Amino acid sequence: MELPGAFVRGAKEEEALSKAQHEATSYLAWLGRELKQLPKAHIVQTHQCKLTVEDADCEILLDVDRGPMSDREFQLLVELAKHSGASFAKLYDRTQLKDWVDEARIRKTFYGQNKKTIKEIFDHVKRTQYYYLSRTGIAFSEDDALPLMEIRELSFDSLAHLFSKEGNSKIYNVQNEEWTLKKILRRFVWHDRIHGKAITRIQEKQRQLGLIDRYEDPFRFNIHRTS
């Protein structure tokens, strides 16, 4: 079973694997699907990198992201990434305390200061869409004033143009990291999820502090609890 953009982290391999079933359940619930029994997680590929695990995705190019990609698979991934973007935009739009500072998040990362408010996280996700598009070397203009989903639509139009010419056959090497179109689409979803989880954690903290009564969970991260 391939769930593009699903992810777990852990200090050790066993810890990460122990979280895999909940992540799969949450992911499928987000898509409106439910399996009576989930497949057992098993390792199909390993990769060693020097990135700090809490700050970034591993730069790995997954084997499944190297292979050919059919027109239907490309369209399904595009629709998945659009659905993910819409879920992230909904999550942000429904938040109440967008500028509330979560002091526990204040720390330095390899890319600068960690995002400490919901608004900072949202703005980061919106801008990073241009970063993913830039991995292909295609020319484009940036406009941070555009809504998140408009930037995403324009990005996918550019990716569709590239896909029509070369499929998923080209590997782009940018700053010692390898990319394909399939990897880029997967990372759109991954990035929404990692920062969607961060926003959800901030809102849960706000709820526990009595700052808000409830919050919405469009990604179904809290599938086994009610807020």
C-alpha atoms as a PDB file:
ATOM      1  CA  MET A   1       0.000   0.000   0.000  1.00  0.00           C
ATOM      2  CA  GLU A   2       1.445   3.371  -1.033  1.00  0.00           C
ATOM      3  CA  LEU A   3       0.266   6.457   0.876  1.00  0.00           C
ATOM      4  CA  PRO A   4       2.127   9.379  -0.752  1.00  0.00           C
ATOM      5  CA  GLY A   5       3.135  11.983   1.800  1.00  0.00           C
ATOM      6  CA  ALA A   6       2.357   9.897   4.881  1.00  0.00           C
ATOM      7  CA  PHE A   7       5.218   9.967   7.369  1.00  0.00           C
ATOM      8  CA  VAL A   8       6.306   9.097  10.897  1.00  0.00           C
ATOM      9  CA  ARG A   9       9.374   9.991  12.924  1.00  0.00           C
ATOM     10  CA  GLY A  10      11.185   8.454  15.841  1.00  0.00           C
ATOM     11  CA  ALA A  11      14.460   8.598  17.716  1.00  0.00           C
ATOM     12  CA  LYS A  12      14.931   4.949  16.737  1.00  0.00           C
ATOM     13  CA  GLU A  13      13.559   2.711  14.017  1.00  0.00           C
ATOM     14  CA  GLU A  14      11.272   0.834  16.397  1.00  0.00           C
ATOM     15  CA  GLU A  15       9.661   4.047  17.610  1.00  0.00           C
ATOM     16  CA  ALA A  16       8.940   5.214  14.068  1.00  0.00           C
ATOM     17  CA  LEU A  17       7.490   1.845  13.039  1.00  0.00           C
ATOM     18  CA  SER A  18       5.234   1.822  16.102  1.00  0.00           C
ATOM     19  CA  LYS A  19       3.548   4.979  14.781  1.00  0.00           C
ATOM     20  CA  ALA A  20       3.004   3.718  11.242  1.00  0.00           C
ATOM     21  CA  GLN A  21      -0.405   2.096  11.765  1.00  0.00           C
ATOM     22  CA  HIS A  22      -1.931   5.215  13.339  1.00  0.00           C
ATOM     23  CA  GLU A  23      -0.557   7.343  10.502  1.00  0.00           C
ATOM     24  CA  ALA A  24      -2.059   4.990   7.921  1.00  0.00           C
ATOM     25  CA  THR A  25      -5.424   4.977   9.730  1.00  0.00           C
ATOM     26  CA  SER A  26      -5.435   8.774   9.926  1.00  0.00           C
ATOM     27  CA  TYR A  27      -4.405   9.139   6.279  1.00  0.00           C
ATOM     28  CA  LEU A  28      -7.110   6.792   5.017  1.00  0.00           C
ATOM     29  CA  ALA A  29      -9.743   8.479   7.203  1.00  0.00           C
ATOM     30  CA  TRP A  30      -8.707  11.810   5.674  1.00  0.00           C
ATOM     31  CA  LEU A  31      -9.461  10.271   2.273  1.00  0.00           C
ATOM     32  CA  GLY A  32     -12.779   8.888   3.518  1.00  0.00           C
ATOM     33  CA  ARG A  33     -11.561   5.301   3.447  1.00  0.00           C
ATOM     34  CA  GLU A  34     -11.414   2.616   6.093  1.00  0.00           C
ATOM     35  CA  LEU A  35      -9.762  -0.800   6.120  1.00  0.00           C
ATOM     36  CA  LYS A  36     -10.821  -3.495   8.562  1.00  0.00           C
ATOM     37  CA  GLN A  37      -7.226  -4.590   8.886  1.00  0.00           C
ATOM     38  CA  LEU A  38      -4.192  -2.544   7.927  1.00  0.00           C
ATOM     39  CA  PRO A  39      -1.098  -4.201   6.462  1.00  0.00           C
ATOM     40  CA  LYS A  40       1.802  -4.585   8.862  1.00  0.00           C
ATOM     41  CA  ALA A  41       4.519  -1.983   8.343  1.00  0.00           C
ATOM     42  CA  HIS A  42       7.783  -3.343   6.997  1.00  0.00           C
ATOM     43  CA  ILE A  43      10.963  -1.706   5.746  1.00  0.00           C
ATOM     44  CA  VAL A  44      11.497  -1.688   1.977  1.00  0.00           C
ATOM     45  CA  GLN A  45      14.258   0.927   1.712  1.00  0.00           C
ATOM     46  CA  THR A  46      16.758   2.628   4.016  1.00  0.00           C
ATOM     47  CA  HIS A  47      18.773   5.806   3.604  1.00  0.00           C
ATOM     48  CA  GLN A  48      21.279   7.577   5.835  1.00  0.00           C
ATOM     49  CA  CYS A  49      21.411  11.368   5.961  1.00  0.00           C
ATOM     50  CA  LYS A  50      22.797  14.099   8.206  1.00  0.00           C
ATOM     51  CA  LEU A  51      19.634  16.200   8.506  1.00  0.00           C
ATOM     52  CA  THR A  52      18.176  16.773  11.962  1.00  0.00           C
ATOM     53  CA  VAL A  53      15.082  14.583  12.004  1.00  0.00           C
ATOM     54  CA  GLU A  54      12.823  17.150  13.666  1.00  0.00           C
ATOM     55  CA  ASP A  55      13.760  19.884  11.173  1.00  0.00           C
ATOM     56  CA  ALA A  56      13.388  18.334   7.728  1.00  0.00           C
ATOM     57  CA  ASP A  57      12.431  15.447   5.522  1.00  0.00           C
ATOM     58  CA  CYS A  58      15.178  13.032   4.561  1.00  0.00           C
ATOM     59  CA  GLU A  59      16.551  13.946   1.126  1.00  0.00           C
ATOM     60  CA  ILE A  60      16.012  10.370  -0.084  1.00  0.00           C
ATOM     61  CA  LEU A  61      14.690   9.702  -3.576  1.00  0.00           C
ATOM     62  CA  LEU A  62      12.411   6.729  -2.971  1.00  0.00           C
ATOM     63  CA  ASP A  63      12.642   3.853  -5.431  1.00  0.00           C
ATOM     64  CA  VAL A  64       8.907   4.227  -6.130  1.00  0.00           C
ATOM     65  CA  ASP A  65       9.531   7.855  -7.117  1.00  0.00           C
ATOM     66  CA  ARG A  66      12.157   6.880  -9.714  1.00  0.00           C
ATOM     67  CA  GLY A  67      10.053   4.666 -11.922  1.00  0.00           C
ATOM     68  CA  PRO A  68       7.700   5.423 -14.812  1.00  0.00           C
ATOM     69  CA  MET A  69       4.470   7.252 -14.032  1.00  0.00           C
ATOM     70  CA  SER A  70       1.331   6.842 -16.140  1.00  0.00           C
ATOM     71  CA  ASP A  71      -0.954   9.721 -17.073  1.00  0.00           C
ATOM     72  CA  ARG A  72      -3.557   8.386 -14.654  1.00  0.00           C
ATOM     73  CA  GLU A  73      -1.065   8.122 -11.806  1.00  0.00           C
ATOM     74  CA  PHE A  74       0.111  11.685 -12.429  1.00  0.00           C
ATOM     75  CA  GLN A  75      -3.463  12.981 -12.372  1.00  0.00           C
ATOM     76  CA  LEU A  76      -4.263  11.036  -9.197  1.00  0.00           C
ATOM     77  CA  LEU A  77      -1.214  12.492  -7.449  1.00  0.00           C
ATOM     78  CA  VAL A  78      -2.134  15.991  -8.596  1.00  0.00           C
ATOM     79  CA  GLU A  79      -5.676  15.548  -7.264  1.00  0.00           C
ATOM     80  CA  LEU A  80      -4.290  14.170  -4.000  1.00  0.00           C
ATOM     81  CA  ALA A  81      -1.999  17.182  -3.592  1.00  0.00           C
ATOM     82  CA  LYS A  82      -4.887  19.540  -4.394  1.00  0.00           C
ATOM     83  CA  HIS A  83      -7.051  17.810  -1.790  1.00  0.00           C
ATOM     84  CA  SER A  84      -4.189  18.107   0.685  1.00  0.00           C
ATOM     85  CA  GLY A  85      -3.750  21.807  -0.056  1.00  0.00           C
ATOM     86  CA  ALA A  86      -7.481  22.415   0.357  1.00  0.00           C
ATOM     87  CA  SER A  87      -7.415  20.573   3.697  1.00  0.00           C
ATOM     88  CA  PHE A  88      -4.472  22.674   4.863  1.00  0.00           C
ATOM     89  CA  ALA A  89      -6.161  25.919   3.777  1.00  0.00           C
ATOM     90  CA  LYS A  90      -9.351  24.851   5.585  1.00  0.00           C
ATOM     91  CA  LEU A  91      -7.366  24.015   8.718  1.00  0.00           C
ATOM     92  CA  TYR A  92      -5.785  27.469   8.691  1.00  0.00           C
ATOM     93  CA  ASP A  93      -8.962  29.370   7.832  1.00  0.00           C
ATOM     94  CA  ARG A  94     -10.839  27.789  10.746  1.00  0.00           C
ATOM     95  CA  THR A  95      -8.142  28.612  13.334  1.00  0.00           C
ATOM     96  CA  GLN A  96      -8.877  31.411  15.783  1.00  0.00           C
ATOM     97  CA  LEU A  97      -5.577  32.485  17.372  1.00  0.00           C
ATOM     98  CA  LYS A  98      -3.342  32.647  14.319  1.00  0.00           C
ATOM     99  CA  ASP A  99      -0.723  34.917  15.938  1.00  0.00           C
ATOM    100  CA  TRP A 100      -0.548  33.180  19.313  1.00  0.00           C
ATOM    101  CA  VAL A 101       3.097  32.344  20.072  1.00  0.00           C
ATOM    102  CA  ASP A 102       3.903  28.780  21.092  1.00  0.00           C
ATOM    103  CA  GLU A 103       7.085  29.455  23.042  1.00  0.00           C
ATOM    104  CA  ALA A 104       7.998  25.763  23.066  1.00  0.00           C
ATOM    105  CA  ARG A 105       8.557  26.015  19.301  1.00  0.00           C
ATOM    106  CA  ILE A 106      11.158  28.797  19.534  1.00  0.00           C
ATOM    107  CA  ARG A 107      14.483  27.347  18.394  1.00  0.00           C
ATOM    108  CA  LYS A 108      16.969  27.605  15.562  1.00  0.00           C
ATOM    109  CA  THR A 109      16.900  25.199  12.623  1.00  0.00           C
ATOM    110  CA  PHE A 110      19.156  24.779   9.597  1.00  0.00           C
ATOM    111  CA  TYR A 111      16.820  27.065   7.623  1.00  0.00           C
ATOM    112  CA  GLY A 112      16.490  29.761  10.325  1.00  0.00           C
ATOM    113  CA  GLN A 113      14.109  30.250  13.230  1.00  0.00           C
ATOM    114  CA  ASN A 114      11.428  27.628  13.690  1.00  0.00           C
ATOM    115  CA  LYS A 115       7.896  28.841  12.956  1.00  0.00           C
ATOM    116  CA  LYS A 116       6.217  29.666  16.266  1.00  0.00           C
ATOM    117  CA  THR A 117       2.711  30.814  15.280  1.00  0.00           C
ATOM    118  CA  ILE A 118      -0.011  29.318  13.115  1.00  0.00           C
ATOM    119  CA  LYS A 119       0.268  32.213  10.669  1.00  0.00           C
ATOM    120  CA  GLU A 120       4.043  31.775  10.336  1.00  0.00           C
ATOM    121  CA  ILE A 121       3.540  28.078   9.601  1.00  0.00           C
ATOM    122  CA  PHE A 122       0.876  28.798   6.988  1.00  0.00           C
ATOM    123  CA  ASP A 123       2.979  31.448   5.244  1.00  0.00           C
ATOM    124  CA  HIS A 124       5.926  29.031   5.191  1.00  0.00           C
ATOM    125  CA  VAL A 125       3.857  26.288   3.557  1.00  0.00           C
ATOM    126  CA  LYS A 126       2.510  28.723   0.976  1.00  0.00           C
ATOM    127  CA  ARG A 127       5.995  29.963   0.011  1.00  0.00           C
ATOM    128  CA  THR A 128       7.535  26.484  -0.038  1.00  0.00           C
ATOM    129  CA  GLN A 129       5.356  25.592  -3.014  1.00  0.00           C
ATOM    130  CA  TYR A 130       7.647  27.796  -5.105  1.00  0.00           C
ATOM    131  CA  TYR A 131      10.655  25.954  -3.664  1.00  0.00           C
ATOM    132  CA  TYR A 132       9.314  22.607  -4.861  1.00  0.00           C
ATOM    133  CA  LEU A 133       8.601  24.018  -8.313  1.00  0.00           C
ATOM    134  CA  SER A 134      12.136  25.440  -8.466  1.00  0.00           C
ATOM    135  CA  ARG A 135      13.617  21.929  -8.157  1.00  0.00           C
ATOM    136  CA  THR A 136      12.761  21.400 -11.835  1.00  0.00           C
ATOM    137  CA  GLY A 137      14.641  24.449 -13.102  1.00  0.00           C
ATOM    138  CA  ILE A 138      11.542  25.725 -14.884  1.00  0.00           C
ATOM    139  CA  ALA A 139      11.137  29.513 -15.146  1.00  0.00           C
ATOM    140  CA  PHE A 140       8.327  31.039 -13.069  1.00  0.00           C
ATOM    141  CA  SER A 141       7.479  34.203 -11.166  1.00  0.00           C
ATOM    142  CA  GLU A 142       6.694  34.359  -7.452  1.00  0.00           C
ATOM    143  CA  ASP A 143       3.793  36.271  -5.957  1.00  0.00           C
ATOM    144  CA  ASP A 144       3.344  35.723  -2.223  1.00  0.00           C
ATOM    145  CA  ALA A 145       0.100  37.711  -2.334  1.00  0.00           C
ATOM    146  CA  LEU A 146      -1.653  34.896  -4.194  1.00  0.00           C
ATOM    147  CA  PRO A 147      -3.806  32.461  -2.191  1.00  0.00           C
ATOM    148  CA  LEU A 148      -2.205  29.125  -1.339  1.00  0.00           C
ATOM    149  CA  MET A 149      -4.405  27.147  -3.710  1.00  0.00           C
ATOM    150  CA  GLU A 150      -3.845  29.524  -6.613  1.00  0.00           C
ATOM    151  CA  ILE A 151      -0.083  29.085  -6.243  1.00  0.00           C
ATOM    152  CA  ARG A 152      -0.617  25.329  -6.128  1.00  0.00           C
ATOM    153  CA  GLU A 153      -2.775  25.327  -9.267  1.00  0.00           C
ATOM    154  CA  LEU A 154      -0.174  27.369 -11.164  1.00  0.00           C
ATOM    155  CA  SER A 155       2.595  25.065  -9.935  1.00  0.00           C
ATOM    156  CA  PHE A 156       0.731  21.977 -11.091  1.00  0.00           C
ATOM    157  CA  ASP A 157       0.094  23.532 -14.501  1.00  0.00           C
ATOM    158  CA  SER A 158       3.875  23.871 -14.870  1.00  0.00           C
ATOM    159  CA  LEU A 159       4.495  20.325 -13.641  1.00  0.00           C
ATOM    160  CA  ALA A 160       1.865  18.997 -16.061  1.00  0.00           C
ATOM    161  CA  HIS A 161       3.687  20.714 -18.928  1.00  0.00           C
ATOM    162  CA  LEU A 162       6.937  19.023 -17.910  1.00  0.00           C
ATOM    163  CA  PHE A 163       5.206  15.674 -17.470  1.00  0.00           C
ATOM    164  CA  SER A 164       3.728  15.861 -20.971  1.00  0.00           C
ATOM    165  CA  LYS A 165       7.256  16.184 -22.374  1.00  0.00           C
ATOM    166  CA  GLU A 166       9.322  13.819 -20.258  1.00  0.00           C
ATOM    167  CA  GLY A 167       7.024  11.821 -18.000  1.00  0.00           C
ATOM    168  CA  ASN A 168       8.792  10.925 -14.779  1.00  0.00           C
ATOM    169  CA  SER A 169      12.005   9.980 -16.566  1.00  0.00           C
ATOM    170  CA  LYS A 170      14.165  12.965 -15.635  1.00  0.00           C
ATOM    171  CA  ILE A 171      16.071  13.152 -12.358  1.00  0.00           C
ATOM    172  CA  TYR A 172      16.834  16.704 -11.264  1.00  0.00           C
ATOM    173  CA  ASN A 173      19.919  17.070  -9.063  1.00  0.00           C
ATOM    174  CA  VAL A 174      19.668  20.272  -7.044  1.00  0.00           C
ATOM    175  CA  GLN A 175      22.034  21.050  -4.169  1.00  0.00           C
ATOM    176  CA  ASN A 176      23.031  17.391  -3.835  1.00  0.00           C
ATOM    177  CA  GLU A 177      19.422  16.200  -3.659  1.00  0.00           C
ATOM    178  CA  GLU A 178      17.729  14.170  -6.387  1.00  0.00           C
ATOM    179  CA  TRP A 179      14.176  14.963  -7.458  1.00  0.00           C
ATOM    180  CA  THR A 180      11.606  13.594  -9.898  1.00  0.00           C
ATOM    181  CA  LEU A 181       8.147  14.935 -10.668  1.00  0.00           C
ATOM    182  CA  LYS A 182       6.627  12.141  -8.600  1.00  0.00           C
ATOM    183  CA  LYS A 183       8.807  13.020  -5.620  1.00  0.00           C
ATOM    184  CA  ILE A 184       7.814  16.681  -5.923  1.00  0.00           C
ATOM    185  CA  LEU A 185       4.116  15.801  -5.849  1.00  0.00           C
ATOM    186  CA  ARG A 186       4.662  13.530  -2.848  1.00  0.00           C
ATOM    187  CA  ARG A 187       6.519  16.271  -1.016  1.00  0.00           C
ATOM    188  CA  PHE A 188       3.650  18.714  -1.509  1.00  0.00           C
ATOM    189  CA  VAL A 189       1.449  16.324   0.477  1.00  0.00           C
ATOM    190  CA  TRP A 190       4.167  15.543   3.022  1.00  0.00           C
ATOM    191  CA  HIS A 191       4.784  19.238   3.675  1.00  0.00           C
ATOM    192  CA  ASP A 192       1.082  19.904   4.201  1.00  0.00           C
ATOM    193  CA  ARG A 193       0.884  17.027   6.656  1.00  0.00           C
ATOM    194  CA  ILE A 194       3.968  17.847   8.697  1.00  0.00           C
ATOM    195  CA  HIS A 195       2.886  21.443   9.200  1.00  0.00           C
ATOM    196  CA  GLY A 196      -0.772  20.528   9.501  1.00  0.00           C
ATOM    197  CA  LYS A 197       0.246  18.356  12.451  1.00  0.00           C
ATOM    198  CA  ALA A 198       2.170  21.294  13.925  1.00  0.00           C
ATOM    199  CA  ILE A 199      -0.876  23.576  13.667  1.00  0.00           C
ATOM    200  CA  THR A 200      -3.069  20.874  15.206  1.00  0.00           C
ATOM    201  CA  ARG A 201      -0.647  20.477  18.128  1.00  0.00           C
ATOM    202  CA  ILE A 202      -0.682  24.243  18.710  1.00  0.00           C
ATOM    203  CA  GLN A 203      -4.479  24.262  18.711  1.00  0.00           C
ATOM    204  CA  GLU A 204      -4.596  21.337  21.128  1.00  0.00           C
ATOM    205  CA  LYS A 205      -2.295  23.289  23.435  1.00  0.00           C
ATOM    206  CA  GLN A 206      -4.585  26.324  23.113  1.00  0.00           C
ATOM    207  CA  ARG A 207      -7.565  24.118  23.976  1.00  0.00           C
ATOM    208  CA  GLN A 208      -5.865  22.672  27.042  1.00  0.00           C
ATOM    209  CA  LEU A 209      -4.986  26.188  28.210  1.00  0.00           C
ATOM    210  CA  GLY A 210      -8.619  27.218  27.857  1.00  0.00           C
ATOM    211  CA  LEU A 211      -7.890  29.702  25.077  1.00  0.00           C
ATOM    212  CA  ILE A 212     -10.261  27.968  22.641  1.00  0.00           C
ATOM    213  CA  ASP A 213     -13.138  25.551  23.174  1.00  0.00           C
ATOM    214  CA  ARG A 214     -12.567  23.317  20.163  1.00  0.00           C
ATOM    215  CA  TYR A 215     -10.861  23.117  16.791  1.00  0.00           C
ATOM    216  CA  GLU A 216     -11.328  21.358  13.486  1.00  0.00           C
ATOM    217  CA  ASP A 217      -9.169  18.469  12.293  1.00  0.00           C
ATOM    218  CA  PRO A 218      -9.682  18.098   8.513  1.00  0.00           C
ATOM    219  CA  PHE A 219      -6.635  15.816   8.184  1.00  0.00           C
ATOM    220  CA  ARG A 220      -8.042  13.463  10.871  1.00  0.00           C
ATOM    221  CA  PHE A 221      -4.776  13.519  12.815  1.00  0.00           C
ATOM    222  CA  ASN A 222      -6.705  13.021  16.067  1.00  0.00           C
ATOM    223  CA  ILE A 223      -8.787  10.134  14.774  1.00  0.00           C
ATOM    224  CA  HIS A 224      -8.702   8.302  18.130  1.00  0.00           C
ATOM    225  CA  ARG A 225      -9.612  11.286  20.285  1.00  0.00           C
ATOM    226  CA  THR A 226     -12.175  14.095  20.266  1.00  0.00           C
ATOM    227  CA  SER A 227     -11.231  17.729  20.764  1.00  0.00           C
END
